[in-house]
Amino acid sequence: MSLVKMSWIEKYRPDSLDNIIGQDHIIDQIKNYIKDRNLPNLLLYGPPGT
């Protein structure tokens, strides 16, 4: 998909946990789940842009 046709959300959304700014304690917990191969069911929500 070309950058011209890509929506703003798709263009700028983080593509890895390292690209998420803020909420370091939450990101660290998710990384621990992944490292331990014990990923529980998660529901992440919030207004667009958060």
Protein backbone atom coordinates (compact mmCIF):
# COMPACT_ATOMS: atom_id res chain seq x y z
CA MET A 1 0.00 0.00 0.00
CA SER A 2 1.43 3.38 -0.92
CA LEU A 3 1.88 6.03 1.75
CA VAL A 4 -0.50 8.34 -0.12
CA LYS A 5 -3.39 5.86 0.23
CA MET A 6 -2.54 4.78 3.78
CA SER A 7 -4.76 6.28 6.47
CA TRP A 8 -3.20 8.39 9.23
CA ILE A 9 -4.01 5.73 11.82
CA GLU A 10 -2.34 2.97 9.82
CA LYS A 11 0.65 5.15 8.98
CA TYR A 12 1.44 6.23 12.55
CA ARG A 13 0.20 3.41 14.78
CA PRO A 14 2.98 1.62 16.65
CA ASP A 15 4.18 -1.57 15.01
CA SER A 16 5.91 -2.89 18.12
CA LEU A 17 5.69 -2.46 21.88
CA ASP A 18 8.91 -0.43 21.78
CA ASN A 19 7.12 2.25 19.75
CA ILE A 20 4.49 2.89 22.43
CA ILE A 21 5.11 6.00 24.52
CA GLY A 22 3.97 6.12 28.14
CA GLN A 23 2.37 3.43 30.27
CA ASP A 24 5.79 1.84 30.82
CA HIS A 25 4.53 -0.38 33.63
CA ILE A 26 1.82 -1.83 31.37
CA ILE A 27 4.22 -2.36 28.45
CA ASP A 28 6.70 -4.08 30.79
CA GLN A 29 3.96 -6.41 32.02
CA ILE A 30 2.90 -7.31 28.46
CA LYS A 31 6.55 -7.97 27.53
CA ASN A 32 6.84 -10.27 30.55
CA TYR A 33 3.73 -12.16 29.44
CA ILE A 34 5.28 -12.64 26.01
CA LYS A 35 8.69 -13.64 27.41
CA ASP A 36 7.09 -16.18 29.77
CA ARG A 37 4.80 -17.46 26.98
CA ASN A 38 1.88 -16.88 29.32
CA LEU A 39 -0.25 -14.36 27.48
CA PRO A 40 -3.68 -14.08 29.12
CA ASN A 41 -6.71 -12.74 27.32
CA LEU A 42 -6.32 -8.97 27.13
CA LEU A 43 -8.79 -6.30 26.14
CA LEU A 44 -7.09 -3.02 25.30
CA TYR A 45 -9.34 -0.05 24.79
CA GLY A 46 -9.36 3.71 24.79
CA PRO A 47 -10.21 6.64 22.60
CA PRO A 48 -8.39 6.93 19.27
CA GLY A 49 -4.86 8.23 19.67
CA THR A 50 -4.32 6.82 23.16
